[in-house]
Amino acid sequence: MLTPSLMLTPDTAKHLSLLRTLGEPELSQCSRWQWLGWDASSRYLLSVQKQGGVSLRWWDLHAQTHQPSFARSVPGCIAAWFLPDAQRLLSVTVRGTLQTWSVSDGQLLSSVETGGSVSHASLSADGTRLLLVASVGRVMLWDLERRWLVWRKEDPWQFHGCALSPDGAFAAAGAGEELQDADTHASLRLWDARTGRRVTTRAFDARRTWAVAFTPSGEHLVAATSSGELLFLTLPALEIVRSLRAPASLAIHLEFNPAGSLLAASPDTSAFAIIDVRDGQHVFAYSDLDDQQGSTANFSPDGRFVSWGLDDGKVGIWGVRNGW
């Protein structure tokens, strides 16, 4: 069971501490990156290991054991999510294979090919649509209920992180626009998520836009650029309204807490930072000093915990104890 934790706010998050670790230590000869995700009830937690260890694992946090409920080898798996019913989880591979799994018994329920490679993906809030991006310049929106492609766009740019807005109206992807001298220029593209119509394109004074995230209110879109900035942008015009400092080694994954008051920024190194959205202060930071490892940092939907993947393949859960 998880140790009780106070609600995470800009004030309480300063007192985060490691409450629980999941999994066994796993030695790896290669760099390791973990993609983590919670279910809507904050009971289940999953990990995708892109290198090293078993590809897909998930835990029932009501259980006493630190062992995963199930572990499955999914070659090329890059991301996964619990679907809203918490009875199934969805995984996606670099080859564009979508698979659903039973949370209760670990059985494979379905498998479908999207017909294109995938480097980044984002699931809609209602769990019915999936935004798929290929670094080679392809963006697709997939309908999970009908198992078909809604729209597809091709572009010569190098695409990176992507996101769907909370209301399902917009799809966004960060990019590096290729220049004639083999360099790139940071950019951001915004589409109408229902039709695929391009709404806005915005360029930045940087080489790449690594990650994007919509605020929970849907009022702004945040872009993390290679210049070390976290840019808050209006919708749909993408006008810059404020800029915050990213972690020192840049942010390649962003996630807000449910209240929108905190932002978790994960760089491409063994660290994560929790940022107070009000004033941009880094209220908490953690690193295990292993530059061969990285992970997403993810808030639990109940707003009480944050998870992050440790350098030995385990998963840590941070919270704030009563009395700190």
C-alpha atoms as a PDB file:
ATOM      1  CA  MET A   1       0.000   0.000   0.000  1.00  0.00           C
ATOM      2  CA  LEU A   2       1.090   3.572  -0.576  1.00  0.00           C
ATOM      3  CA  THR A   3       1.949   5.702   2.421  1.00  0.00           C
ATOM      4  CA  PRO A   4      -0.667   8.482   2.777  1.00  0.00           C
ATOM      5  CA  SER A   5       0.443  11.749   1.205  1.00  0.00           C
ATOM      6  CA  LEU A   6      -0.732  15.324   1.358  1.00  0.00           C
ATOM      7  CA  MET A   7      -2.104  16.965  -1.782  1.00  0.00           C
ATOM      8  CA  LEU A   8       0.786  18.333  -3.841  1.00  0.00           C
ATOM      9  CA  THR A   9       0.808  22.120  -4.066  1.00  0.00           C
ATOM     10  CA  PRO A  10       3.605  24.634  -4.687  1.00  0.00           C
ATOM     11  CA  ASP A  11       4.061  24.782  -0.899  1.00  0.00           C
ATOM     12  CA  THR A  12       3.863  21.092   0.011  1.00  0.00           C
ATOM     13  CA  ALA A  13       5.886  19.885  -3.002  1.00  0.00           C
ATOM     14  CA  LYS A  14       9.000  21.395  -1.418  1.00  0.00           C
ATOM     15  CA  HIS A  15       8.854  18.528   1.074  1.00  0.00           C
ATOM     16  CA  LEU A  16       8.583  15.586  -1.325  1.00  0.00           C
ATOM     17  CA  SER A  17      10.317  12.395  -0.224  1.00  0.00           C
ATOM     18  CA  LEU A  18      10.617   8.892  -1.646  1.00  0.00           C
ATOM     19  CA  LEU A  19       7.780   6.817  -0.177  1.00  0.00           C
ATOM     20  CA  ARG A  20       7.981   3.543  -2.099  1.00  0.00           C
ATOM     21  CA  THR A  21       9.998   1.735  -4.749  1.00  0.00           C
ATOM     22  CA  LEU A  22       8.622  -0.854  -7.172  1.00  0.00           C
ATOM     23  CA  GLY A  23      10.378  -3.689  -8.991  1.00  0.00           C
ATOM     24  CA  GLU A  24      13.710  -5.442  -8.597  1.00  0.00           C
ATOM     25  CA  PRO A  25      17.105  -3.967  -9.552  1.00  0.00           C
ATOM     26  CA  GLU A  26      17.953  -4.809 -13.165  1.00  0.00           C
ATOM     27  CA  LEU A  27      21.462  -4.516 -14.562  1.00  0.00           C
ATOM     28  CA  SER A  28      21.685  -3.108 -18.085  1.00  0.00           C
ATOM     29  CA  GLN A  29      24.639  -2.602 -20.398  1.00  0.00           C
ATOM     30  CA  CYS A  30      22.842   0.119 -22.351  1.00  0.00           C
ATOM     31  CA  SER A  31      21.189   3.404 -21.535  1.00  0.00           C
ATOM     32  CA  ARG A  32      17.741   3.120 -19.993  1.00  0.00           C
ATOM     33  CA  TRP A  33      14.625   5.251 -20.444  1.00  0.00           C
ATOM     34  CA  GLN A  34      11.326   4.629 -18.683  1.00  0.00           C
ATOM     35  CA  TRP A  35       7.908   5.888 -19.711  1.00  0.00           C
ATOM     36  CA  LEU A  36       5.509   5.847 -16.739  1.00  0.00           C
ATOM     37  CA  GLY A  37       1.744   6.181 -16.456  1.00  0.00           C
ATOM     38  CA  TRP A  38      -1.030   6.070 -13.834  1.00  0.00           C
ATOM     39  CA  ASP A  39      -4.625   4.920 -14.169  1.00  0.00           C
ATOM     40  CA  ALA A  40      -7.430   7.395 -13.459  1.00  0.00           C
ATOM     41  CA  SER A  41      -7.993   6.096  -9.920  1.00  0.00           C
ATOM     42  CA  SER A  42      -4.284   6.337  -8.957  1.00  0.00           C
ATOM     43  CA  ARG A  43      -4.357   2.634  -8.050  1.00  0.00           C
ATOM     44  CA  TYR A  44      -2.289   1.251 -10.935  1.00  0.00           C
ATOM     45  CA  LEU A  45       1.076   2.342 -12.291  1.00  0.00           C
ATOM     46  CA  LEU A  46       2.849   1.145 -15.450  1.00  0.00           C
ATOM     47  CA  SER A  47       6.375   1.366 -16.806  1.00  0.00           C
ATOM     48  CA  VAL A  48       7.665   0.988 -20.347  1.00  0.00           C
ATOM     49  CA  GLN A  49      11.411   0.396 -20.517  1.00  0.00           C
ATOM     50  CA  LYS A  50      12.646   1.458 -23.925  1.00  0.00           C
ATOM     51  CA  GLN A  51      16.053  -0.093 -23.312  1.00  0.00           C
ATOM     52  CA  GLY A  52      17.046  -2.686 -20.774  1.00  0.00           C
ATOM     53  CA  GLY A  53      14.800  -4.930 -18.677  1.00  0.00           C
ATOM     54  CA  VAL A  54      11.293  -6.176 -19.450  1.00  0.00           C
ATOM     55  CA  SER A  55       9.489  -3.833 -21.851  1.00  0.00           C
ATOM     56  CA  LEU A  56       6.092  -3.491 -20.145  1.00  0.00           C
ATOM     57  CA  ARG A  57       5.287  -3.832 -16.435  1.00  0.00           C
ATOM     58  CA  TRP A  58       2.418  -2.714 -14.245  1.00  0.00           C
ATOM     59  CA  TRP A  59       1.650  -2.695 -10.529  1.00  0.00           C
ATOM     60  CA  ASP A  60      -1.447  -2.719  -8.337  1.00  0.00           C
ATOM     61  CA  LEU A  61      -0.489  -0.220  -5.636  1.00  0.00           C
ATOM     62  CA  HIS A  62      -3.070  -1.682  -3.233  1.00  0.00           C
ATOM     63  CA  ALA A  63      -0.913  -4.811  -3.054  1.00  0.00           C
ATOM     64  CA  GLN A  64       1.831  -5.114  -0.446  1.00  0.00           C
ATOM     65  CA  THR A  65       4.464  -6.467  -2.845  1.00  0.00           C
ATOM     66  CA  HIS A  66       6.907  -4.403  -4.887  1.00  0.00           C
ATOM     67  CA  GLN A  67       6.783  -7.030  -7.646  1.00  0.00           C
ATOM     68  CA  PRO A  68       4.779  -6.102 -10.766  1.00  0.00           C
ATOM     69  CA  SER A  69       1.375  -7.672 -11.229  1.00  0.00           C
ATOM     70  CA  PHE A  70       2.459  -8.569 -14.748  1.00  0.00           C
ATOM     71  CA  ALA A  71       5.481  -8.083 -16.993  1.00  0.00           C
ATOM     72  CA  ARG A  72       5.373  -8.543 -20.746  1.00  0.00           C
ATOM     73  CA  SER A  73       8.061  -8.424 -23.416  1.00  0.00           C
ATOM     74  CA  VAL A  74       6.817  -6.083 -26.152  1.00  0.00           C
ATOM     75  CA  PRO A  75       9.613  -5.553 -28.712  1.00  0.00           C
ATOM     76  CA  GLY A  76      10.013  -1.898 -29.647  1.00  0.00           C
ATOM     77  CA  CYS A  77       7.463  -0.656 -27.113  1.00  0.00           C
ATOM     78  CA  ILE A  78       7.804   3.112 -26.628  1.00  0.00           C
ATOM     79  CA  ALA A  79       4.735   4.139 -24.592  1.00  0.00           C
ATOM     80  CA  ALA A  80       1.624   2.821 -22.846  1.00  0.00           C
ATOM     81  CA  TRP A  81      -1.458   4.106 -21.018  1.00  0.00           C
ATOM     82  CA  PHE A  82      -4.250   2.743 -18.863  1.00  0.00           C
ATOM     83  CA  LEU A  83      -7.528   3.208 -20.697  1.00  0.00           C
ATOM     84  CA  PRO A  84     -10.317   5.022 -18.803  1.00  0.00           C
ATOM     85  CA  ASP A  85     -12.069   1.824 -17.662  1.00  0.00           C
ATOM     86  CA  ALA A  86      -8.841   0.712 -15.870  1.00  0.00           C
ATOM     87  CA  GLN A  87      -9.556  -2.783 -17.193  1.00  0.00           C
ATOM     88  CA  ARG A  88      -7.242  -2.458 -20.190  1.00  0.00           C
ATOM     89  CA  LEU A  89      -4.000  -0.788 -21.033  1.00  0.00           C
ATOM     90  CA  LEU A  90      -2.797   0.286 -24.462  1.00  0.00           C
ATOM     91  CA  SER A  91       0.774  -0.012 -25.728  1.00  0.00           C
ATOM     92  CA  VAL A  92       2.377   1.328 -28.907  1.00  0.00           C
ATOM     93  CA  THR A  93       5.588   0.174 -30.599  1.00  0.00           C
ATOM     94  CA  VAL A  94       8.096   1.915 -32.804  1.00  0.00           C
ATOM     95  CA  ARG A  95       6.658   0.007 -35.774  1.00  0.00           C
ATOM     96  CA  GLY A  96       3.190   1.418 -35.120  1.00  0.00           C
ATOM     97  CA  THR A  97       1.633  -1.686 -33.554  1.00  0.00           C
ATOM     98  CA  LEU A  98      -1.140  -0.930 -31.062  1.00  0.00           C
ATOM     99  CA  GLN A  99      -1.942  -3.613 -28.502  1.00  0.00           C
ATOM    100  CA  THR A 100      -4.408  -3.748 -25.621  1.00  0.00           C
ATOM    101  CA  TRP A 101      -3.789  -5.843 -22.502  1.00  0.00           C
ATOM    102  CA  SER A 102      -5.998  -7.031 -19.675  1.00  0.00           C
ATOM    103  CA  VAL A 103      -4.957  -5.261 -16.479  1.00  0.00           C
ATOM    104  CA  SER A 104      -6.319  -8.066 -14.280  1.00  0.00           C
ATOM    105  CA  ASP A 105      -4.682 -11.105 -15.926  1.00  0.00           C
ATOM    106  CA  GLY A 106      -2.054  -9.693 -18.315  1.00  0.00           C
ATOM    107  CA  GLN A 107      -3.534 -11.305 -21.412  1.00  0.00           C
ATOM    108  CA  LEU A 108      -3.196  -9.739 -24.871  1.00  0.00           C
ATOM    109  CA  LEU A 109      -6.686  -8.640 -25.963  1.00  0.00           C
ATOM    110  CA  SER A 110      -6.107  -7.041 -29.373  1.00  0.00           C
ATOM    111  CA  SER A 111      -3.444  -5.986 -31.835  1.00  0.00           C
ATOM    112  CA  VAL A 112      -3.673  -3.639 -34.820  1.00  0.00           C
ATOM    113  CA  GLU A 113      -1.150  -2.125 -37.238  1.00  0.00           C
ATOM    114  CA  THR A 114      -1.339   1.593 -37.937  1.00  0.00           C
ATOM    115  CA  GLY A 115       0.841   1.369 -41.042  1.00  0.00           C
ATOM    116  CA  GLY A 116       3.621   3.729 -40.006  1.00  0.00           C
ATOM    117  CA  SER A 117       6.585   4.065 -37.670  1.00  0.00           C
ATOM    118  CA  VAL A 118       6.146   5.950 -34.381  1.00  0.00           C
ATOM    119  CA  SER A 119       8.586   7.909 -32.210  1.00  0.00           C
ATOM    120  CA  HIS A 120       6.145   9.785 -29.910  1.00  0.00           C
ATOM    121  CA  ALA A 121       2.463   9.416 -29.021  1.00  0.00           C
ATOM    122  CA  SER A 122      -0.266  11.057 -26.973  1.00  0.00           C
ATOM    123  CA  LEU A 123      -3.598   9.578 -25.839  1.00  0.00           C
ATOM    124  CA  SER A 124      -6.733  11.727 -25.699  1.00  0.00           C
ATOM    125  CA  ALA A 125      -8.297  12.400 -22.296  1.00  0.00           C
ATOM    126  CA  ASP A 126     -11.281  10.161 -23.086  1.00  0.00           C
ATOM    127  CA  GLY A 127      -9.061   7.340 -24.348  1.00  0.00           C
ATOM    128  CA  THR A 128     -10.648   7.161 -27.804  1.00  0.00           C
ATOM    129  CA  ARG A 129      -7.991   8.767 -30.030  1.00  0.00           C
ATOM    130  CA  LEU A 130      -4.232   8.486 -30.281  1.00  0.00           C
ATOM    131  CA  LEU A 131      -1.871  11.059 -31.794  1.00  0.00           C
ATOM    132  CA  LEU A 132       1.131   9.332 -33.396  1.00  0.00           C
ATOM    133  CA  VAL A 133       4.272  11.114 -34.559  1.00  0.00           C
ATOM    134  CA  ALA A 134       7.247   9.807 -36.508  1.00  0.00           C
ATOM    135  CA  SER A 135      10.535  11.684 -36.258  1.00  0.00           C
ATOM    136  CA  VAL A 136      10.885  11.470 -40.048  1.00  0.00           C
ATOM    137  CA  GLY A 137       8.002  13.925 -40.489  1.00  0.00           C
ATOM    138  CA  ARG A 138       4.707  12.034 -40.191  1.00  0.00           C
ATOM    139  CA  VAL A 139       1.755  12.835 -37.938  1.00  0.00           C
ATOM    140  CA  MET A 140      -1.316  10.587 -37.651  1.00  0.00           C
ATOM    141  CA  LEU A 141      -4.499  10.603 -35.594  1.00  0.00           C
ATOM    142  CA  TRP A 142      -5.852   7.128 -34.905  1.00  0.00           C
ATOM    143  CA  ASP A 143      -9.407   6.281 -33.812  1.00  0.00           C
ATOM    144  CA  LEU A 144      -9.063   3.511 -31.226  1.00  0.00           C
ATOM    145  CA  GLU A 145     -12.756   2.588 -31.154  1.00  0.00           C
ATOM    146  CA  ARG A 146     -13.099   2.155 -34.925  1.00  0.00           C
ATOM    147  CA  ARG A 147      -9.480   1.076 -35.451  1.00  0.00           C
ATOM    148  CA  TRP A 148      -8.893   3.367 -38.364  1.00  0.00           C
ATOM    149  CA  LEU A 149      -6.851   6.364 -39.409  1.00  0.00           C
ATOM    150  CA  VAL A 150      -8.704   9.682 -39.047  1.00  0.00           C
ATOM    151  CA  TRP A 151      -6.037  11.822 -40.737  1.00  0.00           C
ATOM    152  CA  ARG A 152      -2.385  11.737 -41.701  1.00  0.00           C
ATOM    153  CA  LYS A 153       0.078  14.518 -42.529  1.00  0.00           C
ATOM    154  CA  GLU A 154       3.543  14.300 -44.087  1.00  0.00           C
ATOM    155  CA  ASP A 155       6.193  16.951 -43.507  1.00  0.00           C
ATOM    156  CA  PRO A 156       9.972  17.155 -44.092  1.00  0.00           C
ATOM    157  CA  TRP A 157      10.573  18.349 -40.536  1.00  0.00           C
ATOM    158  CA  GLN A 158      12.005  16.344 -37.632  1.00  0.00           C
ATOM    159  CA  PHE A 159       9.117  15.884 -35.184  1.00  0.00           C
ATOM    160  CA  HIS A 160       9.610  15.307 -31.457  1.00  0.00           C
ATOM    161  CA  GLY A 161       7.132  15.442 -28.550  1.00  0.00           C
ATOM    162  CA  CYS A 162       3.377  15.710 -29.197  1.00  0.00           C
ATOM    163  CA  ALA A 163       0.165  16.315 -27.236  1.00  0.00           C
ATOM    164  CA  LEU A 164      -3.623  16.461 -27.554  1.00  0.00           C
ATOM    165  CA  SER A 165      -5.518  19.244 -25.795  1.00  0.00           C
ATOM    166  CA  PRO A 166      -7.798  18.267 -22.859  1.00  0.00           C
ATOM    167  CA  ASP A 167     -10.946  19.099 -24.841  1.00  0.00           C
ATOM    168  CA  GLY A 168      -9.728  17.184 -27.889  1.00  0.00           C
ATOM    169  CA  ALA A 169      -9.792  20.269 -30.118  1.00  0.00           C
ATOM    170  CA  PHE A 170      -6.062  20.616 -30.876  1.00  0.00           C
ATOM    171  CA  ALA A 171      -3.083  18.420 -31.690  1.00  0.00           C
ATOM    172  CA  ALA A 172       0.429  19.808 -31.272  1.00  0.00           C
ATOM    173  CA  ALA A 173       3.926  18.594 -32.081  1.00  0.00           C
ATOM    174  CA  GLY A 174       7.363  20.067 -31.482  1.00  0.00           C
ATOM    175  CA  ALA A 175       9.790  20.039 -34.375  1.00  0.00           C
ATOM    176  CA  GLY A 176      13.151  20.956 -35.781  1.00  0.00           C
ATOM    177  CA  GLU A 177      12.767  22.502 -39.244  1.00  0.00           C
ATOM    178  CA  GLU A 178      15.639  21.416 -41.460  1.00  0.00           C
ATOM    179  CA  LEU A 179      17.758  24.220 -42.925  1.00  0.00           C
ATOM    180  CA  GLN A 180      20.068  24.197 -45.941  1.00  0.00           C
ATOM    181  CA  ASP A 181      23.245  23.941 -43.861  1.00  0.00           C
ATOM    182  CA  ALA A 182      22.051  20.690 -42.185  1.00  0.00           C
ATOM    183  CA  ASP A 183      21.095  22.630 -39.054  1.00  0.00           C
ATOM    184  CA  THR A 184      17.556  22.833 -37.692  1.00  0.00           C
ATOM    185  CA  HIS A 185      15.281  25.645 -36.496  1.00  0.00           C
ATOM    186  CA  ALA A 186      12.871  25.033 -33.594  1.00  0.00           C
ATOM    187  CA  SER A 187       9.206  25.106 -34.495  1.00  0.00           C
ATOM    188  CA  LEU A 188       5.800  24.114 -33.235  1.00  0.00           C
ATOM    189  CA  ARG A 189       2.818  22.973 -35.257  1.00  0.00           C
ATOM    190  CA  LEU A 190      -0.805  23.071 -34.193  1.00  0.00           C
ATOM    191  CA  TRP A 191      -3.601  21.189 -35.991  1.00  0.00           C
ATOM    192  CA  ASP A 192      -7.352  20.909 -35.640  1.00  0.00           C
ATOM    193  CA  ALA A 193      -7.415  17.467 -34.018  1.00  0.00           C
ATOM    194  CA  ARG A 194     -10.744  16.548 -35.581  1.00  0.00           C
ATOM    195  CA  THR A 195      -9.910  17.352 -39.204  1.00  0.00           C
ATOM    196  CA  GLY A 196      -6.115  17.560 -39.418  1.00  0.00           C
ATOM    197  CA  ARG A 197      -6.294  21.125 -40.734  1.00  0.00           C
ATOM    198  CA  ARG A 198      -3.163  23.069 -39.813  1.00  0.00           C
ATOM    199  CA  VAL A 199      -4.127  25.930 -37.487  1.00  0.00           C
ATOM    200  CA  THR A 200      -0.832  27.648 -36.629  1.00  0.00           C
ATOM    201  CA  THR A 201       2.915  27.227 -37.028  1.00  0.00           C
ATOM    202  CA  ARG A 202       5.318  29.024 -34.706  1.00  0.00           C
ATOM    203  CA  ALA A 203       9.136  29.265 -34.931  1.00  0.00           C
ATOM    204  CA  PHE A 204      11.443  29.844 -31.945  1.00  0.00           C
ATOM    205  CA  ASP A 205      14.981  31.051 -31.432  1.00  0.00           C
ATOM    206  CA  ALA A 206      16.384  27.567 -30.822  1.00  0.00           C
ATOM    207  CA  ARG A 207      17.284  24.431 -32.752  1.00  0.00           C
ATOM    208  CA  ARG A 208      14.484  22.114 -31.626  1.00  0.00           C
ATOM    209  CA  THR A 209      11.245  21.968 -29.705  1.00  0.00           C
ATOM    210  CA  TRP A 210      11.647  18.823 -27.654  1.00  0.00           C
ATOM    211  CA  ALA A 211       8.382  18.562 -25.727  1.00  0.00           C
ATOM    212  CA  VAL A 212       4.898  20.074 -25.588  1.00  0.00           C
ATOM    213  CA  ALA A 213       2.089  19.927 -23.022  1.00  0.00           C
ATOM    214  CA  PHE A 214      -1.304  21.582 -22.699  1.00  0.00           C
ATOM    215  CA  THR A 215      -2.249  23.114 -19.364  1.00  0.00           C
ATOM    216  CA  PRO A 216      -5.103  21.188 -17.640  1.00  0.00           C
ATOM    217  CA  SER A 217      -7.427  24.153 -18.239  1.00  0.00           C
ATOM    218  CA  GLY A 218      -6.645  24.033 -21.963  1.00  0.00           C
ATOM    219  CA  GLU A 219      -5.870  27.735 -21.909  1.00  0.00           C
ATOM    220  CA  HIS A 220      -2.199  27.459 -22.879  1.00  0.00           C
ATOM    221  CA  LEU A 221       0.284  25.186 -24.587  1.00  0.00           C
ATOM    222  CA  VAL A 222       3.794  24.864 -23.144  1.00  0.00           C
ATOM    223  CA  ALA A 223       6.795  24.175 -25.378  1.00  0.00           C
ATOM    224  CA  ALA A 224      10.238  23.075 -24.151  1.00  0.00           C
ATOM    225  CA  THR A 225      12.946  24.222 -26.552  1.00  0.00           C
ATOM    226  CA  SER A 226      16.628  23.359 -26.897  1.00  0.00           C
ATOM    227  CA  SER A 227      17.479  26.859 -25.676  1.00  0.00           C
ATOM    228  CA  GLY A 228      16.389  25.842 -22.169  1.00  0.00           C
ATOM    229  CA  GLU A 229      13.093  27.702 -22.077  1.00  0.00           C
ATOM    230  CA  LEU A 230       9.574  26.586 -21.182  1.00  0.00           C
ATOM    231  CA  LEU A 231       7.353  28.832 -23.278  1.00  0.00           C
ATOM    232  CA  PHE A 232       3.677  29.362 -22.367  1.00  0.00           C
ATOM    233  CA  LEU A 233       1.687  30.014 -25.558  1.00  0.00           C
ATOM    234  CA  THR A 234      -1.859  31.176 -26.221  1.00  0.00           C
ATOM    235  CA  LEU A 235      -4.307  29.073 -28.229  1.00  0.00           C
ATOM    236  CA  PRO A 236      -4.713  29.029 -31.131  1.00  0.00           C
ATOM    237  CA  ALA A 237      -2.397  31.925 -32.040  1.00  0.00           C
ATOM    238  CA  LEU A 238       0.652  30.495 -30.185  1.00  0.00           C
ATOM    239  CA  GLU A 239       1.715  33.888 -28.885  1.00  0.00           C
ATOM    240  CA  ILE A 240       4.282  33.768 -26.070  1.00  0.00           C
ATOM    241  CA  VAL A 241       2.817  35.040 -22.796  1.00  0.00           C
ATOM    242  CA  ARG A 242       5.606  33.961 -20.411  1.00  0.00           C
ATOM    243  CA  SER A 243       8.820  31.969 -20.228  1.00  0.00           C
ATOM    244  CA  LEU A 244      10.141  29.748 -17.427  1.00  0.00           C
ATOM    245  CA  ARG A 245      13.549  28.195 -16.915  1.00  0.00           C
ATOM    246  CA  ALA A 246      13.817  24.507 -17.802  1.00  0.00           C
ATOM    247  CA  PRO A 247      16.153  22.042 -16.022  1.00  0.00           C
ATOM    248  CA  ALA A 248      19.823  22.607 -16.814  1.00  0.00           C
ATOM    249  CA  SER A 249      20.024  19.729 -19.298  1.00  0.00           C
ATOM    250  CA  LEU A 250      16.793  20.710 -21.127  1.00  0.00           C
ATOM    251  CA  ALA A 251      13.346  19.166 -20.824  1.00  0.00           C
ATOM    252  CA  ILE A 252      12.211  16.374 -23.127  1.00  0.00           C
ATOM    253  CA  HIS A 253       9.001  15.506 -21.261  1.00  0.00           C
ATOM    254  CA  LEU A 254       6.491  17.759 -19.478  1.00  0.00           C
ATOM    255  CA  GLU A 255       3.465  17.008 -17.322  1.00  0.00           C
ATOM    256  CA  PHE A 256       1.180  19.180 -15.170  1.00  0.00           C
ATOM    257  CA  ASN A 257      -0.425  18.118 -11.923  1.00  0.00           C
ATOM    258  CA  PRO A 258      -4.251  17.983 -12.090  1.00  0.00           C
ATOM    259  CA  ALA A 259      -4.614  21.448 -10.567  1.00  0.00           C
ATOM    260  CA  GLY A 260      -2.205  22.979 -13.081  1.00  0.00           C
ATOM    261  CA  SER A 261      -0.137  24.599 -10.330  1.00  0.00           C
ATOM    262  CA  LEU A 262       2.925  22.366 -10.743  1.00  0.00           C
ATOM    263  CA  LEU A 263       4.880  21.246 -13.786  1.00  0.00           C
ATOM    264  CA  ALA A 264       7.123  18.170 -13.808  1.00  0.00           C
ATOM    265  CA  ALA A 265      10.022  18.537 -16.254  1.00  0.00           C
ATOM    266  CA  SER A 266      12.148  15.532 -17.201  1.00  0.00           C
ATOM    267  CA  PRO A 267      15.452  16.122 -18.990  1.00  0.00           C
ATOM    268  CA  ASP A 268      17.388  13.522 -20.984  1.00  0.00           C
ATOM    269  CA  THR A 269      19.522  12.743 -17.930  1.00  0.00           C
ATOM    270  CA  SER A 270      18.910  11.087 -14.588  1.00  0.00           C
ATOM    271  CA  ALA A 271      16.872  13.868 -13.000  1.00  0.00           C
ATOM    272  CA  PHE A 272      13.509  15.538 -12.739  1.00  0.00           C
ATOM    273  CA  ALA A 273      12.305  18.891 -11.427  1.00  0.00           C
ATOM    274  CA  ILE A 274       8.984  20.100 -10.036  1.00  0.00           C
ATOM    275  CA  ILE A 275       8.285  23.717 -11.012  1.00  0.00           C
ATOM    276  CA  ASP A 276       5.890  26.173  -9.400  1.00  0.00           C
ATOM    277  CA  VAL A 277       3.882  27.463 -12.357  1.00  0.00           C
ATOM    278  CA  ARG A 278       3.086  30.727 -10.559  1.00  0.00           C
ATOM    279  CA  ASP A 279       6.650  32.055 -10.340  1.00  0.00           C
ATOM    280  CA  GLY A 280       8.797  29.485 -12.181  1.00  0.00           C
ATOM    281  CA  GLN A 281      10.685  28.408  -9.066  1.00  0.00           C
ATOM    282  CA  HIS A 282      12.038  24.848  -8.999  1.00  0.00           C
ATOM    283  CA  VAL A 283      10.491  23.715  -5.714  1.00  0.00           C
ATOM    284  CA  PHE A 284      11.891  20.162  -5.842  1.00  0.00           C
ATOM    285  CA  ALA A 285      14.549  18.337  -7.844  1.00  0.00           C
ATOM    286  CA  TYR A 286      16.002  14.837  -7.732  1.00  0.00           C
ATOM    287  CA  SER A 287      18.835  13.077  -9.521  1.00  0.00           C
ATOM    288  CA  ASP A 288      20.495   9.690  -9.116  1.00  0.00           C
ATOM    289  CA  LEU A 289      23.570  10.948 -11.019  1.00  0.00           C
ATOM    290  CA  ASP A 290      23.460   8.225 -13.680  1.00  0.00           C
ATOM    291  CA  ASP A 291      23.785   9.855 -17.094  1.00  0.00           C
ATOM    292  CA  GLN A 292      22.834   6.590 -18.839  1.00  0.00           C
ATOM    293  CA  GLN A 293      19.304   6.733 -17.486  1.00  0.00           C
ATOM    294  CA  GLY A 294      16.198   8.878 -17.798  1.00  0.00           C
ATOM    295  CA  SER A 295      12.470   8.734 -17.148  1.00  0.00           C
ATOM    296  CA  THR A 296       9.231  10.641 -17.412  1.00  0.00           C
ATOM    297  CA  ALA A 297       8.005  12.192 -14.151  1.00  0.00           C
ATOM    298  CA  ASN A 298       4.248  11.714 -13.768  1.00  0.00           C
ATOM    299  CA  PHE A 299       1.724  13.072 -11.269  1.00  0.00           C
ATOM    300  CA  SER A 300      -0.948  10.725  -9.974  1.00  0.00           C
ATOM    301  CA  PRO A 301      -4.467  11.787 -11.026  1.00  0.00           C
ATOM    302  CA  ASP A 302      -5.462  12.275  -7.369  1.00  0.00           C
ATOM    303  CA  GLY A 303      -2.723  14.935  -7.107  1.00  0.00           C
ATOM    304  CA  ARG A 304      -0.874  13.307  -4.196  1.00  0.00           C
ATOM    305  CA  PHE A 305       2.120  11.537  -5.751  1.00  0.00           C
ATOM    306  CA  VAL A 306       4.752  11.807  -8.458  1.00  0.00           C
ATOM    307  CA  SER A 307       6.492   8.804 -10.011  1.00  0.00           C
ATOM    308  CA  TRP A 308       9.885   8.573 -11.698  1.00  0.00           C
ATOM    309  CA  GLY A 309      12.035   5.711 -13.001  1.00  0.00           C
ATOM    310  CA  LEU A 310      15.231   4.961 -11.097  1.00  0.00           C
ATOM    311  CA  ASP A 311      18.606   4.097 -12.621  1.00  0.00           C
ATOM    312  CA  ASP A 312      18.422   0.384 -11.735  1.00  0.00           C
ATOM    313  CA  GLY A 313      15.108  -0.156 -13.493  1.00  0.00           C
ATOM    314  CA  LYS A 314      12.968   0.254 -10.386  1.00  0.00           C
ATOM    315  CA  VAL A 315      10.235   2.882 -10.119  1.00  0.00           C
ATOM    316  CA  GLY A 316      10.055   5.397  -7.289  1.00  0.00           C
ATOM    317  CA  ILE A 317       6.966   7.113  -5.895  1.00  0.00           C
ATOM    318  CA  TRP A 318       7.352  10.440  -4.089  1.00  0.00           C
ATOM    319  CA  GLY A 319       4.858  12.125  -1.779  1.00  0.00           C
ATOM    320  CA  VAL A 320       4.570  14.399   1.241  1.00  0.00           C
ATOM    321  CA  ARG A 321       4.020  12.781   4.624  1.00  0.00           C
ATOM    322  CA  ASN A 322       1.760  14.401   7.214  1.00  0.00           C
ATOM    323  CA  GLY A 323       3.979  16.627   9.317  1.00  0.00           C
ATOM    324  CA  TRP A 324       6.566  16.485   6.473  1.00  0.00           C
END
